Amino acid sequence: MSYEVLAINPGSTSTKIAWFDDGSQRWSETVRHDADRIASFSKTADQYLFRMETIEKAVKAKGSSLDDLSCVVGRGGIIDPIPGGTYEVDQALLARLRSGKPWDHASNLGGILADAIASSRGIPAFIVDPVSVDELDDLARLSGLPELPRVPLNHALNVKATVRRAAKDLGLDWQSSKYVVVHMGGGMTICAHSDGKLIDFNSGNDFGPFSPERAGGMPAGDLVGLCFGGKIPMPDLKNRLAGKGGVFAYLGTSDMREVSERASSGDEKAELVRNAMSFQMAGAIGSMAAALSGDVTAILFTGGIAYDSEFVASVQRRVQWIAPCLVYPGEGEMEALVEGALRVLKGEEKARSYADTVKGVL
């Protein structure tokens, strides 16, 4: 039996849509939205009709019909902590996505839009491995202050899809092998993935190495000084930590292609920043290998920066003694969403219930 699946990935000013026929992509479209139009909505959930019209127009323009679908799968939003997997969108999950708490994030629209298309057609709607996947070892939760536990917000969708692909390439069971996974994009996730679970991680949002747009771990005392020094308003400081931090803060750009070109052309500062990010990434990989007690099947590099073979090689030279290094460039989010939905449709995996598995409240 062939399954036709629509994948929806809402971004802050774009909507990515892709149609798959039994796992093979038939077409894809990325619709860019006017930033002022998006800003006119008071809440992300209020964009629902606007985004729905975008999807319907794209599907029609491609000559497809929503009535032919077997299911719809959307990008999972920032919700309460849950284990990884494919979740059927039900009323409990919809209510959580619509609440816009703790962050009113565009990805929350993924499940809302998927359900709207699917429910009227009597087909299932899913989300897969949202950023709030929580499978941490309890030892990794403590930050040093009880009031500030480590919260595992990361690139779980791509991380878990990459683990599955690597295990398949190696002829191994992904739930019985151990990996350090390095997602390299505007943000960074470096994690330890053990026997099917993401047990520890570093993320440029709060700790770990800096990335193209995020500051990573900061000297705590000096950061407190910035907060209370009165020179930088709180919203501006938050924006500098995640959005205009990291490489951007030093060089005025977060485009690593530009940074590489500048470094190759003799820009010493660009070379220093590039090498510093590589150096810090290698250290974080080593810490994740320690979380796995050195028992690492492979180190996996993925994300957009993984296309930069020279940069990846600079990291590999420092860590290849730990385990073999495998490279899976790109984010592959649409494929990962569809793969998760197909595993349920084909009976390889049972859809999870948000209400039955939620671990608490962020």
Protein backbone atom coordinates (compact mmCIF):
# COMPACT_ATOMS: atom_id res chain seq x y z
CA MET A 1 0.00 0.00 0.00
CA SER A 2 1.26 3.47 -0.91
CA TYR A 3 0.94 6.35 1.56
CA GLU A 4 0.73 10.01 0.58
CA VAL A 5 1.92 12.32 3.34
CA LEU A 6 1.99 16.09 3.64
CA ALA A 7 4.70 17.56 5.88
CA ILE A 8 4.39 21.09 7.30
CA ASN A 9 7.23 23.00 8.95
CA PRO A 10 6.30 26.57 9.98
CA GLY A 11 9.13 28.99 10.57
CA SER A 12 9.05 32.50 11.99
CA THR A 13 8.62 34.09 8.52
CA SER A 14 8.20 31.06 6.26
CA THR A 15 6.14 27.92 5.79
CA LYS A 16 7.85 24.83 4.40
CA ILE A 17 5.54 22.31 2.76
CA ALA A 18 6.46 18.98 1.18
CA TRP A 19 4.41 16.15 -0.37
CA PHE A 20 5.75 12.62 -0.13
CA ASP A 21 4.56 9.49 -1.88
CA ASP A 22 5.51 6.51 0.30
CA GLY A 23 8.68 8.21 1.49
CA SER A 24 9.74 9.68 -1.86
CA GLN A 25 9.38 13.43 -2.17
CA ARG A 26 7.03 14.45 -4.97
CA TRP A 27 7.41 18.18 -4.46
CA SER A 28 8.32 20.80 -1.89
CA GLU A 29 7.73 24.50 -1.48
CA THR A 30 9.02 27.16 0.90
CA VAL A 31 6.72 30.17 1.08
CA ARG A 32 8.30 33.34 2.47
CA HIS A 33 6.01 35.64 4.45
CA ASP A 34 6.16 39.38 4.87
CA ALA A 35 7.61 40.09 8.31
CA ASP A 36 5.17 42.97 8.92
CA ARG A 37 2.23 40.70 8.09
CA ILE A 38 3.45 38.11 10.60
CA ALA A 39 4.02 40.81 13.21
CA SER A 40 0.40 41.92 12.85
CA PHE A 41 -0.77 38.78 14.71
CA SER A 42 -0.77 39.11 18.50
CA LYS A 43 -0.22 35.35 19.02
CA THR A 44 1.35 32.72 16.81
CA ALA A 45 -1.81 30.59 16.96
CA ASP A 46 -3.70 33.52 15.41
CA GLN A 47 -1.74 32.97 12.18
CA TYR A 48 -3.64 29.72 11.64
CA LEU A 49 -5.99 30.87 8.82
CA PHE A 50 -3.24 32.88 7.11
CA ARG A 51 -0.90 29.88 7.10
CA MET A 52 -3.70 27.51 6.04
CA GLU A 53 -4.43 29.63 2.98
CA THR A 54 -0.73 29.51 2.15
CA ILE A 55 -0.75 25.70 2.27
CA GLU A 56 -3.95 25.32 0.26
CA LYS A 57 -2.64 27.64 -2.47
CA ALA A 58 0.66 25.76 -2.68
CA VAL A 59 -1.01 22.34 -2.88
CA LYS A 60 -3.36 23.55 -5.61
CA ALA A 61 -0.51 25.14 -7.58
CA LYS A 62 1.35 21.82 -7.53
CA GLY A 63 -1.68 19.99 -8.92
CA SER A 64 -2.23 17.90 -5.78
CA SER A 65 -5.36 17.39 -3.69
CA LEU A 66 -5.52 17.31 0.10
CA ASP A 67 -8.26 14.67 -0.24
CA ASP A 68 -5.64 12.16 -1.49
CA LEU A 69 -3.62 12.24 1.72
CA SER A 70 -3.08 9.30 4.07
CA CYS A 71 -1.98 11.57 6.93
CA VAL A 72 -0.53 14.98 7.71
CA VAL A 73 2.56 15.55 9.87
CA GLY A 74 3.67 18.86 11.37
CA ARG A 75 6.79 20.09 13.09
CA GLY A 76 6.43 19.61 16.84
CA GLY A 77 6.31 22.77 18.90
CA ILE A 78 7.74 23.84 22.23
CA ILE A 79 5.55 21.86 24.60
CA ASP A 80 6.00 20.15 27.95
CA PRO A 81 8.79 17.55 28.21
CA ILE A 82 7.98 14.24 26.48
CA PRO A 83 10.00 11.23 25.30
CA GLY A 84 10.95 11.03 21.65
CA GLY A 85 8.64 9.47 19.10
CA THR A 86 5.67 10.11 16.83
CA TYR A 87 2.64 11.64 18.58
CA GLU A 88 -0.92 11.70 17.29
CA VAL A 89 -2.38 15.20 17.53
CA ASP A 90 -5.32 15.05 19.94
CA GLN A 91 -7.25 17.66 21.91
CA ALA A 92 -4.77 17.71 24.81
CA LEU A 93 -1.84 18.34 22.49
CA LEU A 94 -3.79 20.93 20.48
CA ALA A 95 -4.62 22.87 23.64
CA ARG A 96 -0.95 22.88 24.63
CA LEU A 97 0.20 24.04 21.19
CA ARG A 98 -2.36 26.84 21.13
CA SER A 99 -1.39 28.14 24.57
CA GLY A 100 1.85 29.66 23.35
CA LYS A 101 3.56 28.86 26.64
CA PRO A 102 6.32 28.89 27.72
CA TRP A 103 7.38 30.28 24.30
CA ASP A 104 5.04 31.44 21.56
CA HIS A 105 7.02 29.70 18.83
CA ALA A 106 6.14 29.30 15.13
CA SER A 107 6.73 25.55 15.28
CA ASN A 108 3.64 25.25 17.49
CA LEU A 109 1.59 25.81 14.34
CA GLY A 110 2.82 22.53 12.84
CA GLY A 111 0.49 20.30 14.83
CA ILE A 112 -2.38 22.81 14.67
CA LEU A 113 -2.27 22.99 10.87
CA ALA A 114 -1.79 19.24 10.50
CA ASP A 115 -4.86 18.56 12.60
CA ALA A 116 -6.98 21.10 10.72
CA ILE A 117 -6.25 19.41 7.40
CA ALA A 118 -6.51 15.85 8.72
CA SER A 119 -9.54 15.98 11.02
CA SER A 120 -12.03 17.00 8.33
CA ARG A 121 -10.81 14.16 6.14
CA GLY A 122 -10.83 11.40 8.73
CA ILE A 123 -7.08 10.80 8.57
CA PRO A 124 -4.49 11.03 11.36
CA ALA A 125 -2.32 14.04 12.16
CA PHE A 126 1.09 13.66 13.82
CA ILE A 127 4.04 15.55 15.21
CA VAL A 128 7.49 13.93 15.51
CA ASP A 129 10.32 14.47 18.01
CA PRO A 130 9.64 18.10 19.03
CA VAL A 131 12.37 20.30 20.45
CA SER A 132 11.13 19.56 23.98
CA VAL A 133 12.00 15.84 23.81
CA ASP A 134 13.20 14.91 27.30
CA GLU A 135 15.09 11.64 27.79
CA LEU A 136 17.88 13.02 29.94
CA ASP A 137 19.70 10.92 32.46
CA ASP A 138 18.76 12.44 35.83
CA LEU A 139 22.46 13.09 36.45
CA ALA A 140 22.41 15.55 33.54
CA ARG A 141 19.55 17.66 34.91
CA LEU A 142 21.44 19.35 37.74
CA SER A 143 22.99 22.69 36.81
CA GLY A 144 24.52 23.64 40.14
CA LEU A 145 21.54 25.72 41.27
CA PRO A 146 18.30 23.92 42.19
CA GLU A 147 16.32 26.88 40.85
CA LEU A 148 17.86 26.46 37.39
CA PRO A 149 17.64 22.84 36.20
CA ARG A 150 18.95 22.07 32.74
CA VAL A 151 16.00 22.01 30.32
CA PRO A 152 16.57 19.84 27.22
CA LEU A 153 15.47 22.04 24.32
CA ASN A 154 17.42 20.87 21.29
CA HIS A 155 17.33 19.68 17.66
CA ALA A 156 15.79 16.33 18.57
CA LEU A 157 14.08 15.79 15.19
CA ASN A 158 17.28 15.88 13.19
CA VAL A 159 19.37 14.24 15.92
CA LYS A 160 17.17 11.17 16.15
CA ALA A 161 16.70 10.88 12.39
CA THR A 162 20.49 11.01 11.94
CA VAL A 163 21.00 8.30 14.57
CA ARG A 164 18.53 6.05 12.72
CA ARG A 165 20.27 6.65 9.39
CA ALA A 166 23.73 6.01 10.78
CA ALA A 167 22.65 2.83 12.52
CA LYS A 168 21.07 1.59 9.29
CA ASP A 169 24.26 2.38 7.35
CA LEU A 170 26.31 0.52 9.96
CA GLY A 171 23.92 -2.45 10.05
CA LEU A 172 23.12 -1.85 13.73
CA ASP A 173 20.02 -1.50 15.87
CA TRP A 174 19.67 2.23 16.60
CA GLN A 175 18.28 1.37 20.03
CA SER A 176 21.30 -0.74 20.95
CA SER A 177 24.16 1.55 19.92
CA LYS A 178 25.66 4.78 21.21
CA TYR A 179 26.45 8.01 19.37
CA VAL A 180 27.67 11.52 19.88
CA VAL A 181 25.58 13.65 17.52
CA VAL A 182 26.66 17.12 16.43
CA HIS A 183 23.92 19.26 14.88
CA MET A 184 25.56 22.34 13.38
CA GLY A 185 23.32 25.19 12.26
CA GLY A 186 22.54 28.72 13.41
CA GLY A 187 22.16 26.99 16.75
CA MET A 188 24.19 24.01 17.96
CA THR A 189 23.20 20.78 19.66
CA ILE A 190 25.88 18.31 20.71
CA CYS A 191 24.41 15.31 22.48
CA ALA A 192 24.97 11.81 23.78
CA HIS A 193 22.46 9.33 22.32
CA SER A 194 22.47 5.97 24.10
CA ASP A 195 20.32 2.94 23.28
CA GLY A 196 17.53 4.99 21.69
CA LYS A 197 17.58 7.89 24.17
CA LEU A 198 19.06 11.38 24.16
CA ILE A 199 20.64 11.23 27.61
CA ASP A 200 22.79 14.40 27.71
CA PHE A 201 23.35 17.47 25.55
CA ASN A 202 24.96 20.84 25.10
CA SER A 203 22.94 23.58 23.41
CA GLY A 204 24.10 27.02 22.36
CA ASN A 205 20.96 28.52 23.88
CA ASP A 206 22.26 28.17 27.43
CA PHE A 207 25.55 26.26 27.63
CA GLY A 208 28.16 24.52 25.55
CA PRO A 209 30.12 26.00 22.62
CA PHE A 210 29.04 29.17 20.89
CA SER A 211 27.45 28.84 17.45
CA PRO A 212 26.86 31.18 14.50
CA GLU A 213 23.99 32.97 16.28
CA ARG A 214 24.12 31.89 19.94
CA ALA A 215 26.53 32.74 22.72
CA GLY A 216 26.62 29.32 24.39
CA GLY A 217 27.94 28.96 27.94
CA MET A 218 28.82 32.25 29.60
CA PRO A 219 30.95 33.19 32.65
CA ALA A 220 28.09 33.24 35.17
CA GLY A 221 29.40 36.02 37.40
CA ASP A 222 30.16 38.36 34.52
CA LEU A 223 26.77 37.62 32.96
CA VAL A 224 25.07 38.59 36.21
CA GLY A 225 27.06 41.81 36.11
CA LEU A 226 25.75 42.58 32.64
CA CYS A 227 22.20 41.86 33.77
CA PHE A 228 22.34 44.23 36.73
CA GLY A 229 24.78 46.77 35.34
CA GLY A 230 21.97 48.68 33.68
CA LYS A 231 23.86 49.19 30.43
CA ILE A 232 22.00 46.57 28.37
CA PRO A 233 18.18 46.23 28.59
CA MET A 234 17.00 42.69 29.32
CA PRO A 235 15.34 42.12 25.89
CA ASP A 236 18.51 43.26 24.11
CA LEU A 237 20.68 41.01 26.26
CA LYS A 238 18.47 37.99 25.56
CA ASN A 239 18.70 38.76 21.86
CA ARG A 240 22.47 38.92 22.09
CA LEU A 241 22.62 35.55 23.84
CA ALA A 242 20.39 33.80 21.27
CA GLY A 243 20.12 35.50 17.91
CA LYS A 244 23.00 37.96 17.78
CA GLY A 245 25.58 36.11 19.85
CA GLY A 246 28.36 33.72 18.92
CA VAL A 247 29.98 34.25 15.54
CA PHE A 248 27.63 37.13 14.75
CA ALA A 249 28.71 39.05 17.85
CA TYR A 250 32.35 38.88 16.78
CA LEU A 251 32.09 39.24 13.01
CA GLY A 252 28.71 40.80 12.23
CA THR A 253 27.57 37.77 10.25
CA SER A 254 26.23 34.33 11.08
CA ASP A 255 26.83 32.96 7.57
CA MET A 256 29.64 30.46 8.01
CA ARG A 257 30.29 30.45 4.26
CA GLU A 258 31.19 34.12 4.48
CA VAL A 259 33.29 33.47 7.58
CA SER A 260 35.22 30.72 5.77
CA GLU A 261 35.82 32.97 2.77
CA ARG A 262 37.06 35.77 4.99
CA ALA A 263 39.36 33.40 6.88
CA SER A 264 40.76 32.01 3.61
CA SER A 265 41.37 35.56 2.38
CA GLY A 266 43.59 36.39 5.34
CA ASP A 267 41.08 37.84 7.80
CA GLU A 268 42.80 36.84 11.05
CA LYS A 269 39.83 37.63 13.27
CA ALA A 270 37.51 35.49 11.13
CA GLU A 271 40.05 32.66 11.28
CA LEU A 272 40.34 32.99 15.07
CA VAL A 273 36.56 32.90 15.62
CA ARG A 274 36.12 29.97 13.24
CA ASN A 275 38.89 28.01 14.93
CA ALA A 276 37.55 28.87 18.40
CA MET A 277 34.12 27.48 17.52
CA SER A 278 35.75 24.32 16.18
CA PHE A 279 37.91 24.02 19.31
CA GLN A 280 34.93 24.40 21.65
CA MET A 281 32.84 21.94 19.65
CA ALA A 282 35.58 19.33 19.97
CA GLY A 283 35.63 19.82 23.73
CA ALA A 284 31.85 19.38 23.93
CA ILE A 285 32.09 16.20 21.86
CA GLY A 286 34.64 14.89 24.32
CA SER A 287 32.32 15.61 27.25
CA MET A 288 29.47 13.74 25.54
CA ALA A 289 31.80 10.80 24.92
CA ALA A 290 32.53 10.81 28.65
CA ALA A 291 28.78 10.74 29.33
CA LEU A 292 28.78 7.49 27.32
CA SER A 293 31.77 6.19 29.33
CA GLY A 294 33.82 6.22 26.14
CA ASP A 295 31.63 3.57 24.54
CA VAL A 296 30.87 5.47 21.32
CA THR A 297 29.78 3.67 18.15
CA ALA A 298 30.33 6.78 16.00
CA ILE A 299 30.40 10.56 16.05
CA LEU A 300 27.76 11.95 13.69
CA PHE A 301 27.94 15.42 12.09
CA THR A 302 24.76 16.90 10.67
CA GLY A 303 23.06 20.25 10.01
CA GLY A 304 23.75 22.91 7.42
CA ILE A 305 27.36 23.59 8.44
CA ALA A 306 28.15 19.90 7.87
CA TYR A 307 28.34 20.80 4.15
CA ASP A 308 31.55 22.69 4.99
CA SER A 309 33.97 19.76 4.73
CA GLU A 310 36.97 21.85 5.77
CA PHE A 311 35.30 22.99 8.98
CA VAL A 312 34.07 19.49 9.81
CA ALA A 313 37.59 18.17 9.23
CA SER A 314 38.98 20.72 11.68
CA VAL A 315 36.71 19.26 14.38
CA GLN A 316 37.33 15.67 13.36
CA ARG A 317 41.08 16.02 13.72
CA ARG A 318 40.58 16.63 17.44
CA VAL A 319 38.00 13.89 18.12
CA GLN A 320 38.52 11.05 15.63
CA TRP A 321 40.52 9.14 18.25
CA ILE A 322 37.25 8.68 20.15
CA ALA A 323 35.27 6.90 17.42
CA PRO A 324 34.71 6.89 13.64
CA CYS A 325 33.21 10.12 12.29
CA LEU A 326 30.28 10.06 9.86
CA VAL A 327 28.84 13.10 8.09
CA TYR A 328 25.17 13.59 7.19
CA PRO A 329 24.90 17.16 5.85
CA GLY A 330 21.68 19.14 6.03
CA GLU A 331 18.80 19.14 8.46
CA GLY A 332 16.46 16.73 6.63
CA GLU A 333 13.53 17.91 8.75
CA MET A 334 10.81 17.20 6.20
CA GLU A 335 12.10 13.70 5.53
CA ALA A 336 12.40 13.04 9.27
CA LEU A 337 8.79 14.13 9.84
CA VAL A 338 7.52 11.84 7.09
CA GLU A 339 9.64 8.91 8.25
CA GLY A 340 8.11 9.22 11.72
CA ALA A 341 4.58 9.25 10.31
CA LEU A 342 5.25 6.30 8.00
CA ARG A 343 6.60 4.17 10.84
CA VAL A 344 3.18 4.48 12.48
CA LEU A 345 1.16 4.00 9.29
CA LYS A 346 3.14 0.85 8.45
CA GLY A 347 2.78 -0.59 11.94
CA GLU A 348 6.50 -0.39 12.73
CA GLU A 349 5.86 1.91 15.67
CA LYS A 350 2.84 2.83 17.77
CA ALA A 351 1.81 6.48 17.92
CA ARG A 352 2.37 7.99 21.35
CA SER A 353 -0.19 9.95 23.39
CA TYR A 354 0.89 13.35 24.67
CA ALA A 355 -1.45 13.17 27.65
CA ASP A 356 -0.12 9.76 28.67
CA THR A 357 3.58 10.61 28.39
CA VAL A 358 3.99 14.28 29.33
CA LYS A 359 6.56 14.58 32.11
CA GLY A 360 5.65 17.90 33.65
CA VAL A 361 5.37 21.57 32.90
CA LEU A 362 8.14 23.78 31.57
